[in-house]
């Protein structure tokens, strides 16, 4: 634990590394049962912005990177591969699911879960296998797209565009007046 932090602040930092969001880390570290979401979000943001807390989070992130020997570039490449994933890579030409070892590595990495069910007819010694049902659950592609958008600043650009005022000074008033006349008001 960092000497410059309280026990709860250190817990917040650790939870932030584990959970990835300020609000979730705040909920995990502080008593929030009587707080509104907006209050939690604000308090989490203020805590996150404290110099000693931010420095500790940076230290923990650096330790995590060092332990795992992974770079941001490698993570972005993985996210980009997830976005480009084509489900056809999992199947043979006849529509049957490929053997796991025949699937490209990038396709295998998109698999979250595989369930296999054997179907039989008859009982006892007359029991015969009549088929298989295989279910493949994939990592949601939209999650990868959203993470990539956040990392590459796609949402920031979108939010800036929403707040841009394209009318300057009197031009806005003139356009409003013209619109009112057009609508007969």
N, C-alpha and C. Protein backbone atom coordinates (compact mmCIF):
# COMPACT_ATOMS: atom_id res chain seq x y z
N UNK A 1 0.84 -1.19 0.00
CA UNK A 1 0.00 0.00 0.00
C UNK A 1 0.87 1.24 0.00
N UNK A 2 0.41 2.26 -0.68
CA UNK A 2 1.10 3.54 -0.75
C UNK A 2 0.88 4.30 0.56
N UNK A 3 1.94 4.87 1.13
CA UNK A 3 1.84 5.59 2.41
C UNK A 3 1.00 6.85 2.31
N UNK A 4 0.88 7.42 1.13
CA UNK A 4 0.15 8.67 0.94
C UNK A 4 -1.35 8.48 0.76
N UNK A 5 -1.81 7.25 0.80
CA UNK A 5 -3.22 6.96 0.58
C UNK A 5 -3.87 6.37 1.83
N UNK A 6 -5.17 6.61 1.95
CA UNK A 6 -5.92 5.93 3.01
C UNK A 6 -6.18 4.49 2.55
N UNK A 7 -6.66 3.67 3.44
CA UNK A 7 -6.98 2.29 3.10
C UNK A 7 -8.05 2.26 1.99
N UNK A 8 -9.05 3.12 2.10
CA UNK A 8 -10.12 3.14 1.09
C UNK A 8 -9.62 3.66 -0.25
N UNK A 9 -8.73 4.64 -0.23
CA UNK A 9 -8.17 5.14 -1.48
C UNK A 9 -7.36 4.04 -2.18
N UNK A 10 -6.57 3.31 -1.40
CA UNK A 10 -5.81 2.20 -1.98
C UNK A 10 -6.76 1.15 -2.54
N UNK A 11 -7.84 0.86 -1.82
CA UNK A 11 -8.83 -0.11 -2.30
C UNK A 11 -9.45 0.38 -3.61
N UNK A 12 -9.72 1.68 -3.69
CA UNK A 12 -10.26 2.28 -4.91
C UNK A 12 -9.29 2.06 -6.08
N UNK A 13 -8.01 2.32 -5.86
CA UNK A 13 -7.00 2.15 -6.90
C UNK A 13 -6.93 0.71 -7.37
N UNK A 14 -6.91 -0.22 -6.43
CA UNK A 14 -6.86 -1.64 -6.77
C UNK A 14 -8.12 -2.07 -7.53
N UNK A 15 -9.27 -1.58 -7.06
CA UNK A 15 -10.53 -1.92 -7.72
C UNK A 15 -10.60 -1.31 -9.12
N UNK A 16 -10.05 -0.12 -9.29
CA UNK A 16 -10.04 0.51 -10.61
C UNK A 16 -9.24 -0.35 -11.60
N UNK A 17 -8.12 -0.85 -11.16
CA UNK A 17 -7.30 -1.71 -12.02
C UNK A 17 -8.06 -2.98 -12.37
N UNK A 18 -8.76 -3.53 -11.41
CA UNK A 18 -9.48 -4.79 -11.62
C UNK A 18 -10.76 -4.60 -12.44
N UNK A 19 -11.53 -3.54 -12.13
CA UNK A 19 -12.86 -3.37 -12.72
C UNK A 19 -12.87 -2.45 -13.95
N UNK A 20 -11.93 -1.51 -14.00
CA UNK A 20 -11.79 -0.68 -15.18
C UNK A 20 -12.62 0.58 -15.26
N UNK A 21 -13.53 0.80 -14.30
CA UNK A 21 -14.30 2.05 -14.32
C UNK A 21 -14.23 2.71 -12.95
N UNK A 22 -14.28 4.02 -12.96
CA UNK A 22 -14.17 4.79 -11.72
C UNK A 22 -15.36 4.50 -10.79
N UNK A 23 -16.56 4.52 -11.35
CA UNK A 23 -17.76 4.33 -10.53
C UNK A 23 -17.81 2.94 -9.90
N UNK A 24 -17.47 1.92 -10.67
CA UNK A 24 -17.46 0.56 -10.12
C UNK A 24 -16.41 0.43 -9.03
N UNK A 25 -15.26 1.06 -9.23
CA UNK A 25 -14.20 1.03 -8.22
C UNK A 25 -14.64 1.74 -6.95
N UNK A 26 -15.35 2.85 -7.12
CA UNK A 26 -15.84 3.60 -5.95
C UNK A 26 -16.85 2.75 -5.17
N UNK A 27 -17.77 2.12 -5.89
CA UNK A 27 -18.77 1.26 -5.23
C UNK A 27 -18.11 0.10 -4.47
N UNK A 28 -17.03 -0.42 -5.03
CA UNK A 28 -16.34 -1.54 -4.39
C UNK A 28 -15.54 -1.12 -3.16
N UNK A 29 -15.22 0.17 -3.06
CA UNK A 29 -14.33 0.64 -2.00
C UNK A 29 -15.00 1.46 -0.90
N UNK A 30 -16.13 2.02 -1.22
CA UNK A 30 -16.82 2.91 -0.28
C UNK A 30 -18.25 2.45 -0.08
N UNK A 31 -18.87 2.90 1.02
CA UNK A 31 -20.25 2.58 1.31
C UNK A 31 -21.14 3.49 0.47
N UNK A 32 -21.90 2.92 -0.45
CA UNK A 32 -22.67 3.71 -1.42
C UNK A 32 -24.16 3.37 -1.45
N UNK A 33 -24.63 2.56 -0.52
CA UNK A 33 -26.00 2.08 -0.64
C UNK A 33 -27.05 3.19 -0.64
N UNK A 34 -26.78 4.35 -0.02
CA UNK A 34 -27.75 5.44 0.01
C UNK A 34 -27.44 6.54 -1.00
N UNK A 35 -26.51 6.29 -1.90
CA UNK A 35 -26.10 7.31 -2.87
C UNK A 35 -26.77 7.08 -4.23
N UNK A 36 -27.05 8.18 -4.90
CA UNK A 36 -27.54 8.11 -6.28
C UNK A 36 -26.35 7.83 -7.19
N UNK A 37 -26.64 7.28 -8.36
CA UNK A 37 -25.57 6.99 -9.33
C UNK A 37 -24.79 8.25 -9.68
N UNK A 38 -25.48 9.34 -9.83
CA UNK A 38 -24.82 10.61 -10.19
C UNK A 38 -23.82 11.02 -9.11
N UNK A 39 -24.19 10.86 -7.85
CA UNK A 39 -23.31 11.20 -6.73
C UNK A 39 -22.07 10.30 -6.74
N UNK A 40 -22.30 9.01 -6.96
CA UNK A 40 -21.18 8.06 -7.01
C UNK A 40 -20.24 8.43 -8.15
N UNK A 41 -20.81 8.72 -9.31
CA UNK A 41 -19.98 9.09 -10.47
C UNK A 41 -19.14 10.33 -10.17
N UNK A 42 -19.75 11.33 -9.55
CA UNK A 42 -19.04 12.57 -9.23
C UNK A 42 -17.94 12.31 -8.22
N UNK A 43 -18.26 11.61 -7.14
CA UNK A 43 -17.26 11.33 -6.11
C UNK A 43 -16.11 10.49 -6.66
N UNK A 44 -16.44 9.53 -7.51
CA UNK A 44 -15.41 8.68 -8.12
C UNK A 44 -14.49 9.51 -9.01
N UNK A 45 -15.07 10.42 -9.76
CA UNK A 45 -14.29 11.28 -10.65
C UNK A 45 -13.35 12.18 -9.83
N UNK A 46 -13.87 12.79 -8.76
CA UNK A 46 -13.06 13.67 -7.91
C UNK A 46 -11.92 12.89 -7.28
N UNK A 47 -12.22 11.70 -6.78
CA UNK A 47 -11.19 10.86 -6.17
C UNK A 47 -10.13 10.47 -7.20
N UNK A 48 -10.58 10.08 -8.37
CA UNK A 48 -9.66 9.68 -9.44
C UNK A 48 -8.71 10.82 -9.82
N UNK A 49 -9.19 12.04 -9.77
CA UNK A 49 -8.40 13.21 -10.17
C UNK A 49 -7.40 13.67 -9.09
N UNK A 50 -7.52 13.14 -7.87
CA UNK A 50 -6.54 13.50 -6.83
C UNK A 50 -5.17 13.04 -7.27
N UNK A 51 -4.18 13.89 -7.09
CA UNK A 51 -2.83 13.62 -7.58
C UNK A 51 -2.26 12.31 -7.05
N UNK A 52 -2.39 12.08 -5.75
CA UNK A 52 -1.81 10.86 -5.18
C UNK A 52 -2.55 9.60 -5.64
N UNK A 53 -3.86 9.70 -5.84
CA UNK A 53 -4.64 8.56 -6.31
C UNK A 53 -4.30 8.27 -7.78
N UNK A 54 -4.25 9.31 -8.59
CA UNK A 54 -3.88 9.15 -9.99
C UNK A 54 -2.49 8.56 -10.16
N UNK A 55 -1.56 9.02 -9.31
CA UNK A 55 -0.19 8.51 -9.37
C UNK A 55 -0.15 7.02 -9.00
N UNK A 56 -0.93 6.64 -8.01
CA UNK A 56 -0.97 5.23 -7.59
C UNK A 56 -1.58 4.35 -8.68
N UNK A 57 -2.64 4.83 -9.31
CA UNK A 57 -3.26 4.07 -10.40
C UNK A 57 -2.26 3.90 -11.54
N UNK A 58 -1.54 4.96 -11.86
CA UNK A 58 -0.52 4.89 -12.91
C UNK A 58 0.56 3.86 -12.54
N UNK A 59 0.96 3.87 -11.27
CA UNK A 59 1.97 2.91 -10.80
C UNK A 59 1.45 1.47 -10.95
N UNK A 60 0.21 1.24 -10.55
CA UNK A 60 -0.38 -0.10 -10.67
C UNK A 60 -0.51 -0.52 -12.13
N UNK A 61 -0.89 0.41 -13.00
CA UNK A 61 -1.00 0.09 -14.42
C UNK A 61 0.36 -0.27 -15.00
N UNK A 62 1.39 0.48 -14.61
CA UNK A 62 2.74 0.18 -15.09
C UNK A 62 3.21 -1.19 -14.61
N UNK A 63 2.92 -1.51 -13.34
CA UNK A 63 3.28 -2.82 -12.81
C UNK A 63 2.57 -3.94 -13.57
N UNK A 64 1.30 -3.71 -13.87
CA UNK A 64 0.51 -4.68 -14.61
C UNK A 64 1.08 -4.89 -16.02
N UNK A 65 1.41 -3.81 -16.69
CA UNK A 65 2.02 -3.91 -18.03
C UNK A 65 3.34 -4.68 -17.95
N UNK A 66 4.14 -4.37 -16.94
CA UNK A 66 5.44 -5.02 -16.80
C UNK A 66 5.28 -6.52 -16.54
N UNK A 67 4.34 -6.87 -15.67
CA UNK A 67 4.11 -8.29 -15.37
C UNK A 67 3.64 -9.06 -16.59
N UNK A 68 2.81 -8.44 -17.37
CA UNK A 68 2.21 -9.13 -18.52
C UNK A 68 2.95 -8.90 -19.82
N UNK A 69 3.91 -8.01 -19.80
CA UNK A 69 4.72 -7.72 -20.99
C UNK A 69 3.84 -7.48 -22.22
N UNK A 70 2.89 -6.59 -22.08
CA UNK A 70 2.01 -6.27 -23.21
C UNK A 70 1.98 -4.76 -23.38
N UNK A 71 1.89 -4.34 -24.60
CA UNK A 71 1.86 -2.91 -24.88
C UNK A 71 0.46 -2.49 -25.31
N UNK A 72 0.21 -1.21 -25.27
CA UNK A 72 -1.07 -0.68 -25.74
C UNK A 72 -1.25 -1.03 -27.22
N UNK A 73 -0.18 -0.93 -27.99
CA UNK A 73 -0.26 -1.27 -29.42
C UNK A 73 -0.73 -2.71 -29.62
N UNK A 74 -0.21 -3.63 -28.82
CA UNK A 74 -0.64 -5.03 -28.94
C UNK A 74 -2.12 -5.19 -28.60
N UNK A 75 -2.57 -4.47 -27.59
CA UNK A 75 -3.99 -4.55 -27.22
C UNK A 75 -4.88 -3.97 -28.31
N UNK A 76 -4.45 -2.87 -28.90
CA UNK A 76 -5.23 -2.26 -29.99
C UNK A 76 -5.27 -3.20 -31.18
N UNK A 77 -4.17 -3.88 -31.47
CA UNK A 77 -4.15 -4.86 -32.57
C UNK A 77 -5.15 -5.98 -32.28
N UNK A 78 -5.18 -6.47 -31.05
CA UNK A 78 -6.13 -7.52 -30.68
C UNK A 78 -7.57 -7.04 -30.85
N UNK A 79 -7.86 -5.82 -30.40
CA UNK A 79 -9.20 -5.27 -30.57
C UNK A 79 -9.55 -5.13 -32.05
N UNK A 80 -8.60 -4.66 -32.83
CA UNK A 80 -8.83 -4.52 -34.28
C UNK A 80 -9.10 -5.88 -34.91
N UNK A 81 -8.38 -6.91 -34.49
CA UNK A 81 -8.63 -8.27 -35.01
C UNK A 81 -10.03 -8.75 -34.64
N UNK A 82 -10.48 -8.39 -33.45
CA UNK A 82 -11.82 -8.77 -33.02
C UNK A 82 -12.87 -8.09 -33.90
N UNK A 83 -12.64 -6.84 -34.22
CA UNK A 83 -13.57 -6.09 -35.06
C UNK A 83 -13.63 -6.69 -36.46
N UNK A 84 -12.51 -7.17 -36.96
CA UNK A 84 -12.43 -7.72 -38.33
C UNK A 84 -12.82 -9.20 -38.41
N UNK A 85 -13.10 -9.82 -37.28
CA UNK A 85 -13.42 -11.25 -37.24
C UNK A 85 -14.57 -11.60 -38.17
N UNK A 86 -14.42 -12.70 -38.90
CA UNK A 86 -15.45 -13.22 -39.80
C UNK A 86 -15.86 -14.60 -39.29
N UNK A 87 -17.11 -14.76 -38.94
CA UNK A 87 -17.59 -16.02 -38.37
C UNK A 87 -17.42 -17.19 -39.34
N UNK A 88 -17.31 -16.93 -40.64
CA UNK A 88 -17.11 -18.00 -41.62
C UNK A 88 -15.81 -18.75 -41.37
N UNK A 89 -14.87 -18.14 -40.66
CA UNK A 89 -13.61 -18.81 -40.34
C UNK A 89 -13.80 -20.02 -39.43
N UNK A 90 -14.98 -20.13 -38.79
CA UNK A 90 -15.25 -21.24 -37.88
C UNK A 90 -15.85 -22.45 -38.58
N UNK A 91 -16.27 -22.28 -39.83
CA UNK A 91 -17.05 -23.33 -40.49
C UNK A 91 -16.38 -23.85 -41.77
N UNK A 92 -16.66 -25.12 -42.06
CA UNK A 92 -16.24 -25.74 -43.31
C UNK A 92 -17.19 -25.31 -44.43
N UNK A 93 -16.83 -25.64 -45.68
CA UNK A 93 -17.66 -25.29 -46.83
C UNK A 93 -19.07 -25.88 -46.74
N UNK A 94 -19.20 -27.06 -46.12
CA UNK A 94 -20.51 -27.71 -46.02
C UNK A 94 -21.36 -27.19 -44.86
N UNK A 95 -20.84 -26.19 -44.13
CA UNK A 95 -21.58 -25.59 -43.03
C UNK A 95 -21.33 -26.23 -41.68
N UNK A 96 -20.53 -27.27 -41.63
CA UNK A 96 -20.23 -27.91 -40.35
C UNK A 96 -19.13 -27.13 -39.63
N UNK A 97 -19.16 -27.21 -38.32
CA UNK A 97 -18.17 -26.52 -37.49
C UNK A 97 -16.82 -27.20 -37.67
N UNK A 98 -15.78 -26.40 -37.89
CA UNK A 98 -14.43 -26.94 -38.05
C UNK A 98 -13.95 -27.52 -36.73
N UNK A 99 -13.02 -28.45 -36.82
CA UNK A 99 -12.31 -28.93 -35.65
C UNK A 99 -11.58 -27.72 -35.06
N UNK A 100 -11.53 -27.61 -33.75
CA UNK A 100 -10.93 -26.46 -33.08
C UNK A 100 -9.50 -26.19 -33.55
N UNK A 101 -8.77 -27.24 -33.88
CA UNK A 101 -7.38 -27.10 -34.31
C UNK A 101 -7.25 -26.64 -35.77
N UNK A 102 -8.34 -26.69 -36.51
CA UNK A 102 -8.34 -26.22 -37.90
C UNK A 102 -8.76 -24.76 -38.01
N UNK A 103 -9.29 -24.22 -36.94
CA UNK A 103 -9.71 -22.81 -36.96
C UNK A 103 -8.49 -21.91 -36.83
N UNK A 104 -8.48 -20.77 -37.53
CA UNK A 104 -7.39 -19.82 -37.35
C UNK A 104 -7.35 -19.33 -35.90
N UNK A 105 -6.16 -19.03 -35.43
CA UNK A 105 -6.00 -18.59 -34.04
C UNK A 105 -6.87 -17.38 -33.73
N UNK A 106 -6.92 -16.41 -34.64
CA UNK A 106 -7.73 -15.21 -34.42
C UNK A 106 -9.20 -15.56 -34.23
N UNK A 107 -9.68 -16.56 -34.95
CA UNK A 107 -11.07 -17.00 -34.81
C UNK A 107 -11.28 -17.70 -33.47
N UNK A 108 -10.34 -18.55 -33.08
CA UNK A 108 -10.45 -19.24 -31.78
C UNK A 108 -10.48 -18.24 -30.63
N UNK A 109 -9.73 -17.16 -30.76
CA UNK A 109 -9.68 -16.17 -29.68
C UNK A 109 -11.00 -15.43 -29.50
N UNK A 110 -11.86 -15.49 -30.48
CA UNK A 110 -13.17 -14.84 -30.39
C UNK A 110 -14.20 -15.72 -29.69
N UNK A 111 -13.88 -16.99 -29.48
CA UNK A 111 -14.82 -17.92 -28.86
C UNK A 111 -14.82 -17.73 -27.34
N UNK A 112 -16.01 -17.51 -26.82
CA UNK A 112 -16.18 -17.37 -25.38
C UNK A 112 -16.53 -18.71 -24.75
N UNK A 113 -17.31 -19.52 -25.49
CA UNK A 113 -17.79 -20.78 -24.92
C UNK A 113 -18.24 -21.71 -26.05
N UNK A 114 -17.98 -23.00 -25.87
CA UNK A 114 -18.49 -24.01 -26.80
C UNK A 114 -19.24 -25.06 -25.98
N UNK A 115 -20.46 -25.36 -26.41
CA UNK A 115 -21.24 -26.42 -25.78
C UNK A 115 -21.49 -27.49 -26.83
N UNK A 116 -21.33 -28.74 -26.45
CA UNK A 116 -21.55 -29.84 -27.37
C UNK A 116 -22.52 -30.83 -26.73
N UNK A 117 -23.57 -31.17 -27.46
CA UNK A 117 -24.57 -32.11 -26.96
C UNK A 117 -24.63 -33.31 -27.90
N UNK A 118 -24.56 -34.49 -27.35
CA UNK A 118 -24.71 -35.71 -28.14
C UNK A 118 -26.18 -36.12 -28.07
N UNK A 119 -26.72 -36.50 -29.24
CA UNK A 119 -28.12 -36.90 -29.30
C UNK A 119 -28.21 -38.39 -29.62
N UNK A 120 -29.01 -39.09 -28.81
CA UNK A 120 -29.13 -40.55 -28.95
C UNK A 120 -30.57 -40.94 -29.20
N UNK A 121 -30.72 -42.13 -29.75
CA UNK A 121 -32.03 -42.76 -29.85
C UNK A 121 -31.93 -44.13 -29.19
N UNK A 122 -33.00 -44.59 -28.61
CA UNK A 122 -33.00 -45.89 -27.96
C UNK A 122 -32.43 -45.83 -26.55
N UNK A 123 -32.49 -47.01 -25.89
CA UNK A 123 -32.02 -47.12 -24.52
C UNK A 123 -31.16 -48.36 -24.36
N UNK A 124 -30.34 -48.35 -23.31
CA UNK A 124 -29.53 -49.52 -22.99
C UNK A 124 -28.66 -49.95 -24.16
N UNK A 125 -28.67 -51.28 -24.45
CA UNK A 125 -27.81 -51.78 -25.53
C UNK A 125 -28.26 -51.29 -26.91
N UNK A 126 -29.51 -50.82 -27.05
CA UNK A 126 -30.02 -50.34 -28.34
C UNK A 126 -29.74 -48.85 -28.56
N UNK A 127 -29.07 -48.22 -27.61
CA UNK A 127 -28.80 -46.80 -27.69
C UNK A 127 -27.83 -46.50 -28.83
N UNK A 128 -28.21 -45.57 -29.72
CA UNK A 128 -27.37 -45.20 -30.86
C UNK A 128 -27.21 -43.69 -30.95
N UNK A 129 -26.01 -43.28 -31.24
CA UNK A 129 -25.72 -41.87 -31.45
C UNK A 129 -26.31 -41.45 -32.79
N UNK A 130 -27.15 -40.41 -32.78
CA UNK A 130 -27.76 -39.96 -34.04
C UNK A 130 -27.27 -38.57 -34.47
N UNK A 131 -26.54 -37.90 -33.60
CA UNK A 131 -26.04 -36.60 -34.01
C UNK A 131 -25.49 -35.78 -32.87
N UNK A 132 -24.96 -34.64 -33.25
CA UNK A 132 -24.38 -33.70 -32.30
C UNK A 132 -25.03 -32.33 -32.51
N UNK A 133 -25.14 -31.61 -31.44
CA UNK A 133 -25.52 -30.20 -31.52
C UNK A 133 -24.38 -29.43 -30.86
N UNK A 134 -23.83 -28.48 -31.60
CA UNK A 134 -22.74 -27.68 -31.05
C UNK A 134 -23.15 -26.22 -31.06
N UNK A 135 -22.99 -25.59 -29.91
CA UNK A 135 -23.30 -24.16 -29.77
C UNK A 135 -21.99 -23.43 -29.50
N UNK A 136 -21.78 -22.36 -30.25
CA UNK A 136 -20.58 -21.56 -30.09
C UNK A 136 -21.00 -20.16 -29.71
N UNK A 137 -20.55 -19.71 -28.55
CA UNK A 137 -20.85 -18.36 -28.09
C UNK A 137 -19.61 -17.50 -28.31
N UNK A 138 -19.79 -16.40 -29.02
CA UNK A 138 -18.67 -15.54 -29.38
C UNK A 138 -18.57 -14.34 -28.45
N UNK A 139 -17.38 -13.77 -28.38
CA UNK A 139 -17.19 -12.51 -27.66
C UNK A 139 -17.95 -11.45 -28.44
N UNK A 140 -18.74 -10.62 -27.77
CA UNK A 140 -19.51 -9.61 -28.50
C UNK A 140 -18.61 -8.64 -29.27
N UNK A 141 -18.80 -8.57 -30.55
CA UNK A 141 -18.00 -7.71 -31.42
C UNK A 141 -18.21 -6.23 -31.08
N UNK A 142 -19.42 -5.88 -30.68
CA UNK A 142 -19.72 -4.49 -30.35
C UNK A 142 -18.87 -4.00 -29.18
N UNK A 143 -18.60 -4.88 -28.22
CA UNK A 143 -17.74 -4.50 -27.10
C UNK A 143 -16.35 -4.11 -27.59
N UNK A 144 -15.82 -4.88 -28.53
CA UNK A 144 -14.50 -4.58 -29.09
C UNK A 144 -14.52 -3.26 -29.84
N UNK A 145 -15.60 -3.03 -30.59
CA UNK A 145 -15.72 -1.79 -31.35
C UNK A 145 -15.76 -0.59 -30.40
N UNK A 146 -16.56 -0.71 -29.33
CA UNK A 146 -16.66 0.40 -28.37
C UNK A 146 -15.33 0.67 -27.68
N UNK A 147 -14.61 -0.37 -27.29
CA UNK A 147 -13.31 -0.18 -26.65
C UNK A 147 -12.32 0.46 -27.61
N UNK A 148 -12.36 0.04 -28.85
CA UNK A 148 -11.47 0.61 -29.85
C UNK A 148 -11.82 2.08 -30.11
N UNK A 149 -13.12 2.38 -30.17
CA UNK A 149 -13.56 3.76 -30.36
C UNK A 149 -13.08 4.65 -29.21
N UNK A 150 -13.20 4.16 -27.99
CA UNK A 150 -12.74 4.94 -26.83
C UNK A 150 -11.24 5.17 -26.91
N UNK A 151 -10.50 4.10 -27.20
CA UNK A 151 -9.04 4.21 -27.24
C UNK A 151 -8.57 5.15 -28.34
N UNK A 152 -9.22 5.10 -29.50
CA UNK A 152 -8.80 5.90 -30.64
C UNK A 152 -9.43 7.29 -30.65
N UNK A 153 -10.25 7.60 -29.63
CA UNK A 153 -10.83 8.94 -29.52
C UNK A 153 -12.05 9.15 -30.39
N UNK A 154 -12.64 8.08 -30.88
CA UNK A 154 -13.82 8.20 -31.74
C UNK A 154 -15.00 8.86 -31.06
N UNK A 155 -15.22 8.56 -29.80
CA UNK A 155 -16.35 9.17 -29.09
C UNK A 155 -16.06 10.63 -28.76
N UNK A 156 -14.82 10.94 -28.48
CA UNK A 156 -14.45 12.32 -28.18
C UNK A 156 -14.76 13.20 -29.38
N UNK A 157 -14.38 12.76 -30.56
CA UNK A 157 -14.64 13.50 -31.78
C UNK A 157 -16.14 13.67 -31.98
N UNK A 158 -16.90 12.59 -31.77
CA UNK A 158 -18.35 12.64 -31.93
C UNK A 158 -18.96 13.63 -30.94
N UNK A 159 -18.51 13.62 -29.69
CA UNK A 159 -19.05 14.53 -28.69
C UNK A 159 -18.70 15.98 -29.00
N UNK A 160 -17.51 16.23 -29.53
CA UNK A 160 -17.13 17.58 -29.90
C UNK A 160 -17.99 18.09 -31.04
N UNK A 161 -18.33 17.21 -31.96
CA UNK A 161 -19.17 17.61 -33.08
C UNK A 161 -20.57 17.98 -32.61
N UNK A 162 -21.07 17.30 -31.61
CA UNK A 162 -22.41 17.59 -31.10
C UNK A 162 -22.48 18.97 -30.46
N UNK A 163 -21.39 19.44 -29.87
CA UNK A 163 -21.42 20.71 -29.15
C UNK A 163 -20.95 21.89 -29.99
N UNK A 164 -20.56 21.65 -31.22
CA UNK A 164 -20.08 22.71 -32.08
C UNK A 164 -21.25 23.55 -32.56
N UNK A 165 -21.15 24.86 -32.39
CA UNK A 165 -22.17 25.77 -32.87
C UNK A 165 -21.69 26.31 -34.21
N UNK A 166 -22.42 25.96 -35.28
CA UNK A 166 -21.97 26.36 -36.61
C UNK A 166 -22.44 27.77 -36.98
N UNK A 167 -23.31 28.36 -36.19
CA UNK A 167 -23.80 29.70 -36.47
C UNK A 167 -23.01 30.71 -35.65
N UNK A 168 -22.66 31.81 -36.26
CA UNK A 168 -21.85 32.82 -35.60
C UNK A 168 -22.69 34.08 -35.43
N UNK A 169 -22.71 34.59 -34.20
CA UNK A 169 -23.34 35.89 -33.90
C UNK A 169 -24.75 36.03 -34.41
N UNK A 170 -24.97 37.09 -35.21
CA UNK A 170 -26.30 37.43 -35.71
C UNK A 170 -26.86 36.43 -36.71
N UNK A 171 -25.99 35.64 -37.30
CA UNK A 171 -26.44 34.66 -38.29
C UNK A 171 -27.47 33.71 -37.67
N UNK A 172 -27.28 33.33 -36.42
CA UNK A 172 -28.23 32.43 -35.74
C UNK A 172 -29.59 33.09 -35.59
N UNK A 173 -29.58 34.35 -35.16
CA UNK A 173 -30.84 35.09 -34.99
C UNK A 173 -31.56 35.23 -36.32
N UNK A 174 -30.82 35.52 -37.37
CA UNK A 174 -31.41 35.69 -38.70
C UNK A 174 -32.05 34.38 -39.17
N UNK A 175 -31.37 33.29 -38.94
CA UNK A 175 -31.92 31.99 -39.36
C UNK A 175 -33.17 31.64 -38.57
N UNK A 176 -33.17 31.95 -37.26
CA UNK A 176 -34.36 31.69 -36.44
C UNK A 176 -35.54 32.54 -36.90
N UNK A 177 -35.30 33.80 -37.20
CA UNK A 177 -36.36 34.68 -37.68
C UNK A 177 -36.92 34.18 -39.01
N UNK A 178 -36.04 33.76 -39.91
CA UNK A 178 -36.48 33.25 -41.21
C UNK A 178 -37.32 31.98 -41.02
N UNK A 179 -36.93 31.15 -40.09
CA UNK A 179 -37.67 29.92 -39.82
C UNK A 179 -39.04 30.23 -39.24
N UNK A 180 -39.11 31.21 -38.32
CA UNK A 180 -40.40 31.61 -37.74
C UNK A 180 -41.35 32.13 -38.83
N UNK A 181 -40.83 32.96 -39.74
CA UNK A 181 -41.66 33.49 -40.83
C UNK A 181 -42.16 32.35 -41.72
N UNK A 182 -41.28 31.42 -41.98
CA UNK A 182 -41.64 30.29 -42.84
C UNK A 182 -42.76 29.46 -42.21
N UNK A 183 -42.71 29.32 -40.89
CA UNK A 183 -43.72 28.54 -40.16
C UNK A 183 -44.96 29.35 -39.86
N UNK A 184 -44.93 30.66 -40.17
CA UNK A 184 -46.10 31.50 -39.97
C UNK A 184 -46.31 31.94 -38.56
N UNK A 185 -45.25 32.11 -37.82
CA UNK A 185 -45.38 32.53 -36.42
C UNK A 185 -44.94 33.95 -36.25
